[in-house]
């Protein structure tokens, strides 16, 4: 099963003995905006920053060791209905995809400052390859879309929406 409506379905499914790949929308959707800054292109969803992605833990902490074995992994989603070019896709994916990879493939509790220091070298490789990633200080002028209002949500509103969608799931 793929659990993309929050972590509650992951908990219910694993406790029922089902294998799960988790990708909660409020935590791993790379098409969601990266900051509250008004220049974020096509601001949709709640803010999912580089730090947020790095801090993602695929296995909900309330699971027992036996239940946690059913969490097979995680995935990050990047839906492209609001992305109009490969350049825009680069901006939305990188460097958050690097943070996601480290969060999923490393033990819990990583050091974000250490990651940022190492990411600097990776960003040089991205630049050399022509990847138009999001810089730490925000979008470049050509990466903005001031003509598009988007559909931004607060984290609380997004989580309330997910809770409503999953309210009928029973253990």
C-alpha atoms as a PDB file:
ATOM      1  CA  UNK A   1       0.000   0.000   0.000  1.00  0.00           C
ATOM      2  CA  UNK A   2       1.090   3.573  -0.596  1.00  0.00           C
ATOM      3  CA  UNK A   3       0.139   5.962   2.195  1.00  0.00           C
ATOM      4  CA  UNK A   4      -0.034   9.552   1.004  1.00  0.00           C
ATOM      5  CA  UNK A   5      -2.822  10.918   3.210  1.00  0.00           C
ATOM      6  CA  UNK A   6      -0.756  11.641   6.311  1.00  0.00           C
ATOM      7  CA  UNK A   7       0.841   9.121   8.651  1.00  0.00           C
ATOM      8  CA  UNK A   8      -2.336   7.737  10.230  1.00  0.00           C
ATOM      9  CA  UNK A   9      -3.016   5.334   7.320  1.00  0.00           C
ATOM     10  CA  UNK A  10       0.578   4.096   7.621  1.00  0.00           C
ATOM     11  CA  UNK A  11       0.014   3.277  11.286  1.00  0.00           C
ATOM     12  CA  UNK A  12      -3.308   1.524  10.651  1.00  0.00           C
ATOM     13  CA  UNK A  13      -1.975  -0.485   7.692  1.00  0.00           C
ATOM     14  CA  UNK A  14       1.216  -1.634   9.393  1.00  0.00           C
ATOM     15  CA  UNK A  15      -0.668  -2.652  12.514  1.00  0.00           C
ATOM     16  CA  UNK A  16      -2.913  -4.754  10.274  1.00  0.00           C
ATOM     17  CA  UNK A  17       0.189  -6.455   8.860  1.00  0.00           C
ATOM     18  CA  UNK A  18       0.285  -4.664   5.483  1.00  0.00           C
ATOM     19  CA  UNK A  19       3.494  -3.473   3.867  1.00  0.00           C
ATOM     20  CA  UNK A  20       3.570   0.281   3.260  1.00  0.00           C
ATOM     21  CA  UNK A  21       5.477   2.835   1.256  1.00  0.00           C
ATOM     22  CA  UNK A  22       4.835   6.160   2.920  1.00  0.00           C
ATOM     23  CA  UNK A  23       4.666   9.544   1.206  1.00  0.00           C
ATOM     24  CA  UNK A  24       2.552  11.875   3.351  1.00  0.00           C
ATOM     25  CA  UNK A  25       1.403  14.863   1.325  1.00  0.00           C
ATOM     26  CA  UNK A  26       2.094  17.415   4.060  1.00  0.00           C
ATOM     27  CA  UNK A  27       5.716  16.256   4.354  1.00  0.00           C
ATOM     28  CA  UNK A  28       7.014  14.860   1.053  1.00  0.00           C
ATOM     29  CA  UNK A  29       5.266  16.631  -1.826  1.00  0.00           C
ATOM     30  CA  UNK A  30       7.967  18.464  -3.738  1.00  0.00           C
ATOM     31  CA  UNK A  31       5.447  20.428  -5.802  1.00  0.00           C
ATOM     32  CA  UNK A  32       4.422  22.279  -2.619  1.00  0.00           C
ATOM     33  CA  UNK A  33       6.015  25.668  -1.966  1.00  0.00           C
ATOM     34  CA  UNK A  34       9.329  25.889  -0.176  1.00  0.00           C
ATOM     35  CA  UNK A  35       8.799  28.990   1.954  1.00  0.00           C
ATOM     36  CA  UNK A  36       6.264  31.665   2.876  1.00  0.00           C
ATOM     37  CA  UNK A  37       8.130  34.118   0.661  1.00  0.00           C
ATOM     38  CA  UNK A  38       5.721  35.719  -1.852  1.00  0.00           C
ATOM     39  CA  UNK A  39       8.125  35.043  -4.745  1.00  0.00           C
ATOM     40  CA  UNK A  40       7.784  31.254  -4.529  1.00  0.00           C
ATOM     41  CA  UNK A  41       6.571  30.171  -7.983  1.00  0.00           C
ATOM     42  CA  UNK A  42       2.958  28.902  -8.118  1.00  0.00           C
ATOM     43  CA  UNK A  43       2.562  28.616  -4.348  1.00  0.00           C
ATOM     44  CA  UNK A  44       0.441  25.562  -3.656  1.00  0.00           C
ATOM     45  CA  UNK A  45      -0.001  23.453  -0.538  1.00  0.00           C
ATOM     46  CA  UNK A  46       1.702  23.964   2.773  1.00  0.00           C
ATOM     47  CA  UNK A  47       5.332  24.987   3.085  1.00  0.00           C
ATOM     48  CA  UNK A  48       7.763  22.074   2.858  1.00  0.00           C
ATOM     49  CA  UNK A  49      11.250  23.492   3.290  1.00  0.00           C
ATOM     50  CA  UNK A  50      14.603  21.839   2.807  1.00  0.00           C
ATOM     51  CA  UNK A  51      14.826  21.460   6.597  1.00  0.00           C
ATOM     52  CA  UNK A  52      11.330  19.911   6.701  1.00  0.00           C
ATOM     53  CA  UNK A  53      12.251  17.327   4.077  1.00  0.00           C
ATOM     54  CA  UNK A  54      15.533  16.551   5.833  1.00  0.00           C
ATOM     55  CA  UNK A  55      13.644  16.008   9.099  1.00  0.00           C
ATOM     56  CA  UNK A  56      11.135  13.570   7.558  1.00  0.00           C
ATOM     57  CA  UNK A  57      11.051  10.214   9.327  1.00  0.00           C
ATOM     58  CA  UNK A  58       9.359   7.511   7.198  1.00  0.00           C
ATOM     59  CA  UNK A  59       8.506   5.309  10.174  1.00  0.00           C
ATOM     60  CA  UNK A  60       5.940   6.830  12.548  1.00  0.00           C
ATOM     61  CA  UNK A  61       7.391   6.819  16.083  1.00  0.00           C
ATOM     62  CA  UNK A  62       4.283   5.198  17.613  1.00  0.00           C
ATOM     63  CA  UNK A  63       4.931   1.917  15.776  1.00  0.00           C
ATOM     64  CA  UNK A  64       6.470  -1.024  17.582  1.00  0.00           C
ATOM     65  CA  UNK A  65       9.597  -2.606  16.129  1.00  0.00           C
ATOM     66  CA  UNK A  66       7.502  -5.428  14.640  1.00  0.00           C
ATOM     67  CA  UNK A  67       4.991  -3.003  13.091  1.00  0.00           C
ATOM     68  CA  UNK A  68       7.780  -0.776  11.780  1.00  0.00           C
ATOM     69  CA  UNK A  69       9.159  -3.658   9.697  1.00  0.00           C
ATOM     70  CA  UNK A  70       6.131  -3.202   7.446  1.00  0.00           C
ATOM     71  CA  UNK A  71       7.283   0.280   6.419  1.00  0.00           C
ATOM     72  CA  UNK A  72       9.193  -0.729   3.293  1.00  0.00           C
ATOM     73  CA  UNK A  73      10.277   2.776   2.405  1.00  0.00           C
ATOM     74  CA  UNK A  74       9.168   6.208   1.353  1.00  0.00           C
ATOM     75  CA  UNK A  75       8.751   8.242  -1.769  1.00  0.00           C
ATOM     76  CA  UNK A  76       8.649  11.935  -2.579  1.00  0.00           C
ATOM     77  CA  UNK A  77       6.050  13.093  -5.090  1.00  0.00           C
ATOM     78  CA  UNK A  78       6.354  15.933  -7.555  1.00  0.00           C
ATOM     79  CA  UNK A  79       3.126  16.460  -9.464  1.00  0.00           C
ATOM     80  CA  UNK A  80       3.620  18.604 -12.552  1.00  0.00           C
ATOM     81  CA  UNK A  81       0.226  20.184 -13.212  1.00  0.00           C
ATOM     82  CA  UNK A  82       1.652  23.503 -11.940  1.00  0.00           C
ATOM     83  CA  UNK A  83       5.136  23.050 -13.369  1.00  0.00           C
ATOM     84  CA  UNK A  84       5.499  24.434 -16.861  1.00  0.00           C
ATOM     85  CA  UNK A  85       9.093  23.568 -17.768  1.00  0.00           C
ATOM     86  CA  UNK A  86      12.093  21.407 -16.924  1.00  0.00           C
ATOM     87  CA  UNK A  87      13.623  24.522 -15.311  1.00  0.00           C
ATOM     88  CA  UNK A  88      10.652  24.813 -12.944  1.00  0.00           C
ATOM     89  CA  UNK A  89      10.881  21.106 -12.161  1.00  0.00           C
ATOM     90  CA  UNK A  90      14.569  21.522 -11.252  1.00  0.00           C
ATOM     91  CA  UNK A  91      13.636  24.357  -8.908  1.00  0.00           C
ATOM     92  CA  UNK A  92      10.977  22.343  -7.106  1.00  0.00           C
ATOM     93  CA  UNK A  93      12.986  19.104  -6.853  1.00  0.00           C
ATOM     94  CA  UNK A  94      16.470  20.269  -5.923  1.00  0.00           C
ATOM     95  CA  UNK A  95      18.013  20.357  -3.428  1.00  0.00           C
ATOM     96  CA  UNK A  96      14.999  18.976  -1.519  1.00  0.00           C
ATOM     97  CA  UNK A  97      15.352  15.632  -3.295  1.00  0.00           C
ATOM     98  CA  UNK A  98      18.877  15.374  -1.904  1.00  0.00           C
ATOM     99  CA  UNK A  99      17.535  16.009   1.611  1.00  0.00           C
ATOM    100  CA  UNK A 100      14.827  13.388   1.075  1.00  0.00           C
ATOM    101  CA  UNK A 101      17.367  10.787  -0.055  1.00  0.00           C
ATOM    102  CA  UNK A 102      19.480  11.345   3.018  1.00  0.00           C
ATOM    103  CA  UNK A 103      16.450  11.303   5.350  1.00  0.00           C
ATOM    104  CA  UNK A 104      15.196   8.007   3.927  1.00  0.00           C
ATOM    105  CA  UNK A 105      18.530   6.220   3.609  1.00  0.00           C
ATOM    106  CA  UNK A 106      20.101   7.336   6.897  1.00  0.00           C
ATOM    107  CA  UNK A 107      19.352   6.526  10.523  1.00  0.00           C
ATOM    108  CA  UNK A 108      16.877   8.888  12.250  1.00  0.00           C
ATOM    109  CA  UNK A 109      18.120  12.071  13.871  1.00  0.00           C
ATOM    110  CA  UNK A 110      20.508  13.428  11.259  1.00  0.00           C
ATOM    111  CA  UNK A 111      22.370  16.700  11.647  1.00  0.00           C
ATOM    112  CA  UNK A 112      20.853  19.328   9.327  1.00  0.00           C
ATOM    113  CA  UNK A 113      23.798  21.737   9.681  1.00  0.00           C
ATOM    114  CA  UNK A 114      26.199  18.976   8.651  1.00  0.00           C
ATOM    115  CA  UNK A 115      23.936  18.144   5.707  1.00  0.00           C
ATOM    116  CA  UNK A 116      23.861  21.816   4.612  1.00  0.00           C
ATOM    117  CA  UNK A 117      27.664  21.982   4.709  1.00  0.00           C
ATOM    118  CA  UNK A 118      27.929  18.862   2.549  1.00  0.00           C
ATOM    119  CA  UNK A 119      25.120  20.026   0.259  1.00  0.00           C
ATOM    120  CA  UNK A 120      27.198  23.036  -0.755  1.00  0.00           C
ATOM    121  CA  UNK A 121      29.528  20.684  -2.683  1.00  0.00           C
ATOM    122  CA  UNK A 122      26.573  18.906  -4.284  1.00  0.00           C
ATOM    123  CA  UNK A 123      25.074  22.227  -5.379  1.00  0.00           C
ATOM    124  CA  UNK A 124      28.310  22.924  -7.262  1.00  0.00           C
ATOM    125  CA  UNK A 125      27.754  19.655  -9.156  1.00  0.00           C
ATOM    126  CA  UNK A 126      24.126  20.627  -9.848  1.00  0.00           C
ATOM    127  CA  UNK A 127      25.300  23.974 -11.223  1.00  0.00           C
ATOM    128  CA  UNK A 128      27.876  22.260 -13.448  1.00  0.00           C
ATOM    129  CA  UNK A 129      25.122  20.023 -14.840  1.00  0.00           C
ATOM    130  CA  UNK A 130      22.843  23.001 -15.551  1.00  0.00           C
ATOM    131  CA  UNK A 131      20.273  22.096 -12.866  1.00  0.00           C
ATOM    132  CA  UNK A 132      18.380  25.245 -11.867  1.00  0.00           C
ATOM    133  CA  UNK A 133      17.862  24.328  -8.223  1.00  0.00           C
ATOM    134  CA  UNK A 134      16.397  26.587  -5.551  1.00  0.00           C
ATOM    135  CA  UNK A 135      19.073  28.619  -3.859  1.00  0.00           C
ATOM    136  CA  UNK A 136      19.038  28.863  -0.063  1.00  0.00           C
ATOM    137  CA  UNK A 137      18.058  32.539  -0.196  1.00  0.00           C
ATOM    138  CA  UNK A 138      15.062  31.908  -2.469  1.00  0.00           C
ATOM    139  CA  UNK A 139      14.210  32.029  -6.143  1.00  0.00           C
ATOM    140  CA  UNK A 140      16.144  33.894  -8.775  1.00  0.00           C
ATOM    141  CA  UNK A 141      14.038  36.532 -10.583  1.00  0.00           C
ATOM    142  CA  UNK A 142      13.405  34.217 -13.561  1.00  0.00           C
ATOM    143  CA  UNK A 143      12.166  31.474 -11.214  1.00  0.00           C
ATOM    144  CA  UNK A 144       9.286  33.542  -9.830  1.00  0.00           C
ATOM    145  CA  UNK A 145       5.709  33.649 -11.115  1.00  0.00           C
ATOM    146  CA  UNK A 146       4.194  36.867  -9.728  1.00  0.00           C
ATOM    147  CA  UNK A 147       1.284  36.480 -12.149  1.00  0.00           C
ATOM    148  CA  UNK A 148       0.074  33.246 -10.498  1.00  0.00           C
ATOM    149  CA  UNK A 149      -1.740  33.408  -7.167  1.00  0.00           C
ATOM    150  CA  UNK A 150      -1.626  29.659  -6.538  1.00  0.00           C
ATOM    151  CA  UNK A 151      -3.366  27.787  -3.723  1.00  0.00           C
ATOM    152  CA  UNK A 152      -1.263  28.180  -0.602  1.00  0.00           C
ATOM    153  CA  UNK A 153      -2.379  26.538   2.650  1.00  0.00           C
ATOM    154  CA  UNK A 154      -1.115  26.731   6.179  1.00  0.00           C
ATOM    155  CA  UNK A 155       0.316  23.529   7.637  1.00  0.00           C
ATOM    156  CA  UNK A 156      -2.592  23.442  10.102  1.00  0.00           C
ATOM    157  CA  UNK A 157      -5.172  23.724   7.301  1.00  0.00           C
ATOM    158  CA  UNK A 158      -3.420  21.023   5.250  1.00  0.00           C
ATOM    159  CA  UNK A 159      -3.294  18.680   8.251  1.00  0.00           C
ATOM    160  CA  UNK A 160      -6.979  19.343   9.033  1.00  0.00           C
ATOM    161  CA  UNK A 161      -7.844  18.511   5.436  1.00  0.00           C
ATOM    162  CA  UNK A 162      -5.891  15.241   5.631  1.00  0.00           C
ATOM    163  CA  UNK A 163      -7.567  14.393   8.958  1.00  0.00           C
ATOM    164  CA  UNK A 164     -10.986  14.892   7.356  1.00  0.00           C
ATOM    165  CA  UNK A 165     -10.031  12.710   4.379  1.00  0.00           C
ATOM    166  CA  UNK A 166      -8.851   9.895   6.655  1.00  0.00           C
ATOM    167  CA  UNK A 167     -11.491  10.177   9.379  1.00  0.00           C
ATOM    168  CA  UNK A 168     -13.322   7.078   8.158  1.00  0.00           C
ATOM    169  CA  UNK A 169     -10.255   4.793   8.346  1.00  0.00           C
ATOM    170  CA  UNK A 170     -10.712   2.321  11.166  1.00  0.00           C
ATOM    171  CA  UNK A 171      -8.103   0.022  12.700  1.00  0.00           C
END
